[in-house]
Amino acid sequence: MPTNPGVFCYLAYMPSGNPDRTLTSGYLRSLGCNRFNKLFWRVPTHRLEDIVSYRGLENVVVLKRSRNLVRQAFDCDGDIVELCSFVVIAYKSNTSSKKTRKIIQRALQRAPYFKLCPSVYAFPQLRKPKTLEYYGRIKHDDKKQRITTAGEFFDILNGLDCRVLTLPRMVVMNSSMCRILVERMKTTRRIQCRKLIQACRNIASSISLQSGYSSTKALKLKLSEVKYRYRAIRAVLTFFKKQMNINMSKELVRVSKAIGLCLQTLRQAEEMGVVASVKSAN
C-alpha cells in the first residue's frame, strides 16, 4: 500500500441490509476521509488498509488517479484483470423532483457506465472519444440514438443545477474490485432487459383479437417506448462487447424476440379489427 500521507484515492461502497452509516461515517472521518456523498469518499492512501478492513464497509471499490490512460487487460482465460481508465462523475441534486430524476434516468439509459454507488458513475475513458458517439447512432444527425458520453452527462447535470464532481483518468485499485463492477453492471443490464421483456408480455396480454384498430393505438405507443429503450440498451451493450469484451448478446436476443412477438400480436389485432369493420359495414 502507498504510505505517502499527501496522496489520496477514492472509495465507493454499496452496503447491503441496513447498516449504521453514522458509525461508518464517523470512522472514516476519524481517519481523515472527506465525503462527497454518503457512500463516496476521498481517502488518504496510507489509511486505506485500515479502511477496507472495516466491517461497516461492503462491496468496496477503490479508485486512484493515473497519469496516463490505461487499457483493459485480460488473463490467459480471457477474464478481465484490469479495467480501462474511467471518468468518474458524482453529483448531488438540489431538487428531488420527478422531472429531474426522469431526465437523469433517461440519460443513463443510453450511457455505458459502471455504477460505483448511488449518484456516482464511472464512464470508460477511451483514447478516441468519438468512438462512444458511433455506437447506437442510426442516423448521422439523430442525437436521440447516440450513446450518452461522460461530457454529455456532465452537461445534463449542470443544466439541472446539480453539484457535480468530475474525476478523469481514474483506475480501479485491483482485479477483485474490477470483477465487482463488471458483475454489478451485468446485473443492472439483465434487470433492464427483463423489464423490457415483461413490458412486451404485458402489452401482448392486453390485446384482444376481437377489438378494433383504434383500441391498439395506446398499446402501440407503449411498444414504441419499449423499442426506444431497447435501442438504447442495444447501443450500450454493443459498446461493451466491442470495446471491453463484455458479451451480453443473449439478453439482447431475448428482448428482440419479445418485441417481435408483441409486434406480431399487434398486427393480428389490427387485421382482425379491419375484417370486423368490413363485415359490420356490409
Protein backbone atom coordinates (compact mmCIF):
# COMPACT_ATOMS: atom_id res chain seq x y z
CA MET A 1 0.00 0.00 0.00
CA PRO A 2 1.24 3.59 -0.65
CA THR A 3 2.37 5.34 2.51
CA ASN A 4 2.56 8.97 1.37
CA PRO A 5 0.05 10.87 3.58
CA GLY A 6 -0.39 13.52 0.87
CA VAL A 7 -1.76 11.02 -1.68
CA PHE A 8 -5.48 10.36 -1.93
CA CYS A 9 -7.72 7.84 -3.62
CA TYR A 10 -11.49 7.50 -3.82
CA LEU A 11 -13.69 4.90 -2.18
CA ALA A 12 -17.26 3.90 -3.02
CA TYR A 13 -19.27 1.21 -1.30
CA MET A 14 -22.72 -0.36 -1.61
CA PRO A 15 -23.98 -1.59 1.78
CA SER A 16 -26.39 -4.50 1.99
CA GLY A 17 -29.14 -4.58 4.59
CA ASN A 18 -29.44 -1.62 6.96
CA PRO A 19 -26.01 -0.89 8.42
CA ASP A 20 -25.40 2.01 10.80
CA ARG A 21 -23.99 4.56 8.36
CA THR A 22 -23.43 7.06 11.17
CA LEU A 23 -20.80 4.78 12.71
CA THR A 24 -19.18 4.17 9.33
CA SER A 25 -19.12 7.89 8.51
CA GLY A 26 -17.65 8.69 11.92
CA TYR A 27 -14.93 6.07 11.46
CA LEU A 28 -14.00 7.37 8.01
CA ARG A 29 -13.88 10.97 9.22
CA SER A 30 -11.63 9.94 12.11
CA LEU A 31 -9.11 8.67 9.56
CA GLY A 32 -9.07 11.94 7.65
CA CYS A 33 -11.53 10.99 4.87
CA ASN A 34 -13.71 13.59 3.15
CA ARG A 35 -17.22 12.80 1.93
CA PHE A 36 -18.84 13.86 -1.33
CA ASN A 37 -21.99 11.91 -0.55
CA LYS A 38 -22.92 9.21 1.95
CA LEU A 39 -21.20 6.41 0.04
CA PHE A 40 -18.41 8.15 -1.90
CA TRP A 41 -15.31 9.36 -0.08
CA ARG A 42 -11.84 10.76 -0.71
CA VAL A 43 -9.47 8.77 1.48
CA PRO A 44 -5.74 9.05 2.33
CA THR A 45 -3.94 6.11 0.74
CA HIS A 46 -1.80 5.49 3.82
CA ARG A 47 -5.04 4.75 5.71
CA LEU A 48 -6.53 2.52 3.04
CA GLU A 49 -5.67 -0.81 4.66
CA ASP A 50 -7.48 0.19 7.87
CA ILE A 51 -10.44 1.46 5.87
CA VAL A 52 -11.13 -1.52 3.59
CA SER A 53 -10.92 -3.94 6.53
CA TYR A 54 -13.62 -2.08 8.46
CA ARG A 55 -16.73 -4.24 8.98
CA GLY A 56 -19.17 -1.45 8.12
CA LEU A 57 -17.91 -1.24 4.54
CA GLU A 58 -19.26 -3.71 1.97
CA ASN A 59 -18.78 -4.10 -1.79
CA VAL A 60 -15.93 -1.62 -1.67
CA VAL A 61 -14.41 -0.23 -4.87
CA VAL A 62 -11.31 1.96 -4.60
CA LEU A 63 -10.09 4.13 -7.46
CA LYS A 64 -6.89 6.05 -7.89
CA ARG A 65 -5.79 8.60 -10.46
CA SER A 66 -3.35 7.52 -13.17
CA ARG A 67 -1.04 9.76 -15.15
CA ASN A 68 -1.93 8.14 -18.47
CA LEU A 69 -4.94 6.38 -19.90
CA VAL A 70 -4.88 2.68 -19.04
CA ARG A 71 -6.03 -0.05 -21.40
CA GLN A 72 -8.07 -3.01 -20.32
CA ALA A 73 -6.11 -6.18 -19.51
CA PHE A 74 -7.14 -9.85 -19.60
CA ASP A 75 -5.70 -13.09 -18.26
CA CYS A 76 -4.99 -16.21 -20.35
CA ASP A 77 -8.63 -17.31 -20.00
CA GLY A 78 -9.94 -14.02 -21.34
CA ASP A 79 -11.20 -12.78 -17.97
CA ILE A 80 -10.79 -9.12 -17.09
CA VAL A 81 -7.98 -8.44 -14.62
CA GLU A 82 -7.84 -4.67 -15.14
CA LEU A 83 -10.46 -2.27 -16.44
CA CYS A 84 -9.68 0.74 -18.57
CA SER A 85 -9.39 4.29 -17.26
CA PHE A 86 -12.61 5.98 -16.22
CA VAL A 87 -14.12 9.40 -15.94
CA VAL A 88 -15.95 9.33 -12.62
CA ILE A 89 -18.95 11.64 -12.33
CA ALA A 90 -20.60 12.15 -8.96
CA TYR A 91 -23.50 14.50 -8.43
CA LYS A 92 -25.82 15.93 -5.82
CA SER A 93 -29.18 17.17 -7.00
CA ASN A 94 -30.56 20.37 -5.48
CA THR A 95 -34.08 19.15 -6.19
CA SER A 96 -35.84 15.81 -5.82
CA SER A 97 -38.48 16.48 -8.46
CA LYS A 98 -39.75 13.63 -10.61
CA LYS A 99 -38.85 15.58 -13.75
CA THR A 100 -35.20 15.87 -12.71
CA ARG A 101 -34.97 12.17 -11.84
CA LYS A 102 -36.60 11.21 -15.15
CA ILE A 103 -34.13 13.31 -17.18
CA ILE A 104 -31.17 11.74 -15.38
CA GLN A 105 -32.56 8.22 -15.72
CA ARG A 106 -33.24 8.71 -19.43
CA ALA A 107 -29.69 9.92 -20.00
CA LEU A 108 -28.31 6.91 -18.13
CA GLN A 109 -30.36 4.54 -20.30
CA ARG A 110 -28.01 5.45 -23.16
CA ALA A 111 -24.81 5.58 -21.10
CA PRO A 112 -22.09 2.88 -20.90
CA TYR A 113 -21.44 3.33 -17.19
CA PHE A 114 -20.33 1.27 -14.22
CA LYS A 115 -22.22 2.23 -11.07
CA LEU A 116 -19.92 2.86 -8.12
CA CYS A 117 -22.74 3.79 -5.72
CA PRO A 118 -25.92 5.91 -5.90
CA SER A 119 -25.31 9.13 -7.88
CA VAL A 120 -21.73 8.11 -8.73
CA TYR A 121 -20.91 6.61 -12.15
CA ALA A 122 -17.72 5.57 -13.93
CA PHE A 123 -17.61 6.13 -17.70
CA PRO A 124 -14.91 4.37 -19.77
CA GLN A 125 -12.35 6.94 -20.89
CA LEU A 126 -11.17 5.99 -24.38
CA ARG A 127 -8.16 7.19 -26.35
CA LYS A 128 -10.57 8.03 -29.17
CA PRO A 129 -13.58 9.74 -27.52
CA LYS A 130 -15.57 9.84 -30.78
CA THR A 131 -15.84 6.04 -30.60
CA LEU A 132 -18.55 6.50 -27.98
CA GLU A 133 -20.62 8.58 -30.37
CA TYR A 134 -20.54 5.87 -33.05
CA TYR A 135 -22.37 3.17 -31.11
CA GLY A 136 -26.12 3.34 -31.30
CA ARG A 137 -26.26 6.01 -33.99
CA ILE A 138 -28.89 5.00 -36.55
CA LYS A 139 -28.93 8.31 -38.38
CA HIS A 140 -25.90 10.56 -38.58
CA ASP A 141 -27.75 13.55 -37.13
CA ASP A 142 -30.08 11.71 -34.77
CA LYS A 143 -28.80 12.61 -31.31
CA LYS A 144 -31.53 10.60 -29.61
CA GLN A 145 -29.90 7.40 -30.86
CA ARG A 146 -26.40 8.25 -29.63
CA ILE A 147 -24.77 6.94 -26.51
CA THR A 148 -24.56 9.40 -23.64
CA THR A 149 -20.90 10.31 -23.14
CA ALA A 150 -19.39 11.47 -19.86
CA GLY A 151 -19.24 15.02 -21.20
CA GLU A 152 -22.88 14.98 -22.25
CA PHE A 153 -23.93 13.56 -18.89
CA PHE A 154 -21.96 16.32 -17.15
CA ASP A 155 -23.73 18.97 -19.27
CA ILE A 156 -27.14 17.45 -18.47
CA LEU A 157 -26.41 17.52 -14.73
CA ASN A 158 -25.17 21.12 -14.94
CA GLY A 159 -28.34 22.07 -16.76
CA LEU A 160 -30.34 20.59 -13.89
CA ASP A 161 -28.46 22.75 -11.37
CA CYS A 162 -26.69 19.81 -9.74
CA ARG A 163 -23.44 19.95 -7.82
CA VAL A 164 -21.08 17.82 -9.95
CA LEU A 165 -17.67 16.30 -9.26
CA THR A 166 -15.66 15.05 -12.26
CA LEU A 167 -12.57 12.86 -11.85
CA PRO A 168 -10.75 11.87 -15.08
CA ARG A 169 -8.12 9.15 -15.56
CA MET A 170 -9.31 7.03 -12.65
CA VAL A 171 -8.44 3.33 -12.45
CA VAL A 172 -9.79 0.59 -10.20
CA MET A 173 -7.35 -0.50 -7.50
CA ASN A 174 -7.30 -4.29 -8.09
CA SER A 175 -8.80 -7.14 -10.13
CA SER A 176 -11.30 -8.26 -7.46
CA MET A 177 -12.83 -4.78 -7.44
CA CYS A 178 -12.91 -4.85 -11.25
CA ARG A 179 -14.95 -8.05 -11.08
CA ILE A 180 -17.36 -6.42 -8.62
CA LEU A 181 -18.01 -3.59 -11.07
CA VAL A 182 -18.43 -5.88 -14.08
CA GLU A 183 -20.89 -8.16 -12.28
CA ARG A 184 -22.79 -5.16 -10.96
CA MET A 185 -23.05 -3.75 -14.49
CA LYS A 186 -24.25 -7.09 -15.87
CA THR A 187 -26.87 -7.42 -13.15
CA THR A 188 -28.19 -3.92 -13.87
CA ARG A 189 -28.46 -4.60 -17.61
CA ARG A 190 -30.08 -8.01 -17.08
CA ILE A 191 -32.73 -6.40 -14.90
CA GLN A 192 -33.34 -3.77 -17.59
CA CYS A 193 -33.73 -6.47 -20.24
CA ARG A 194 -36.13 -8.46 -18.07
CA LYS A 195 -38.25 -5.35 -17.54
CA LEU A 196 -38.46 -4.83 -21.31
CA ILE A 197 -39.47 -8.47 -21.84
CA GLN A 198 -42.12 -8.17 -19.13
CA ALA A 199 -43.40 -4.94 -20.70
CA CYS A 200 -43.80 -6.76 -24.03
CA ARG A 201 -45.71 -9.58 -22.32
CA ASN A 202 -48.00 -7.07 -20.60
CA ILE A 203 -48.76 -5.37 -23.91
CA ALA A 204 -49.43 -8.67 -25.66
CA SER A 205 -51.72 -9.87 -22.87
CA SER A 206 -53.70 -6.61 -23.10
CA ILE A 207 -54.52 -7.16 -26.74
CA SER A 208 -57.88 -8.63 -27.59
CA LEU A 209 -58.06 -10.03 -31.12
CA GLN A 210 -61.74 -9.15 -31.26
CA SER A 211 -61.12 -5.42 -30.73
CA GLY A 212 -60.85 -2.86 -33.47
CA TYR A 213 -57.83 -1.00 -34.81
CA SER A 214 -58.43 2.06 -32.64
CA SER A 215 -58.01 0.05 -29.44
CA THR A 216 -54.41 -0.83 -30.33
CA LYS A 217 -53.18 2.77 -30.62
CA ALA A 218 -52.36 3.15 -26.92
CA LEU A 219 -50.59 -0.21 -26.94
CA LYS A 220 -48.56 0.81 -29.98
CA LEU A 221 -47.37 3.88 -28.08
CA LYS A 222 -46.30 1.69 -25.18
CA LEU A 223 -44.45 -0.61 -27.56
CA SER A 224 -42.72 2.39 -29.15
CA GLU A 225 -41.33 3.28 -25.72
CA VAL A 226 -40.12 -0.30 -25.26
CA LYS A 227 -38.42 -0.20 -28.66
CA TYR A 228 -36.73 3.12 -27.76
CA ARG A 229 -35.37 1.63 -24.55
CA TYR A 230 -34.28 -1.50 -26.42
CA ARG A 231 -32.32 0.55 -28.98
CA ALA A 232 -30.64 2.39 -26.11
CA ILE A 233 -29.57 -0.75 -24.25
CA ARG A 234 -28.54 -2.41 -27.54
CA ALA A 235 -26.21 0.51 -28.27
CA VAL A 236 -24.70 0.32 -24.78
CA LEU A 237 -24.22 -3.46 -24.82
CA THR A 238 -22.74 -3.29 -28.32
CA PHE A 239 -20.18 -0.86 -26.94
CA PHE A 240 -19.36 -3.14 -24.00
CA LYS A 241 -18.95 -6.10 -26.36
CA LYS A 242 -16.73 -4.44 -28.97
CA GLN A 243 -14.72 -2.12 -26.74
CA MET A 244 -14.49 -4.06 -23.47
CA ASN A 245 -15.09 -7.70 -24.48
CA ILE A 246 -18.13 -7.97 -22.17
CA ASN A 247 -20.68 -10.00 -24.09
CA MET A 248 -24.38 -9.87 -23.20
CA SER A 249 -25.77 -10.76 -26.63
CA LYS A 250 -28.09 -13.45 -25.23
CA GLU A 251 -30.03 -10.86 -23.23
CA LEU A 252 -30.44 -8.69 -26.33
CA VAL A 253 -31.72 -11.63 -28.38
CA ARG A 254 -34.38 -12.39 -25.74
CA VAL A 255 -35.62 -8.80 -25.78
CA SER A 256 -35.62 -8.70 -29.59
CA LYS A 257 -37.73 -11.87 -29.74
CA ALA A 258 -40.19 -10.49 -27.18
CA ILE A 259 -40.61 -7.30 -29.22
CA GLY A 260 -41.09 -9.34 -32.40
CA LEU A 261 -43.83 -11.46 -30.83
CA CYS A 262 -45.52 -8.35 -29.50
CA LEU A 263 -45.47 -6.73 -32.93
CA GLN A 264 -46.92 -9.87 -34.47
CA THR A 265 -49.75 -9.89 -31.95
CA LEU A 266 -50.48 -6.20 -32.64
CA ARG A 267 -50.63 -6.80 -36.39
CA GLN A 268 -53.02 -9.70 -35.89
CA ALA A 269 -55.26 -7.50 -33.75
CA GLU A 270 -55.26 -4.78 -36.41
CA GLU A 271 -56.09 -7.26 -39.17
CA MET A 272 -58.94 -8.71 -37.15
CA GLY A 273 -60.20 -5.20 -36.49
CA VAL A 274 -60.21 -4.34 -40.20
CA VAL A 275 -62.05 -7.56 -41.05
CA ALA A 276 -64.62 -6.88 -38.35
CA SER A 277 -65.14 -3.32 -39.64
CA VAL A 278 -65.71 -4.52 -43.22
CA LYS A 279 -68.23 -7.15 -42.08
CA SER A 280 -70.16 -4.63 -39.99
CA ALA A 281 -70.23 -2.17 -42.91
CA ASN A 282 -71.75 -4.85 -45.18
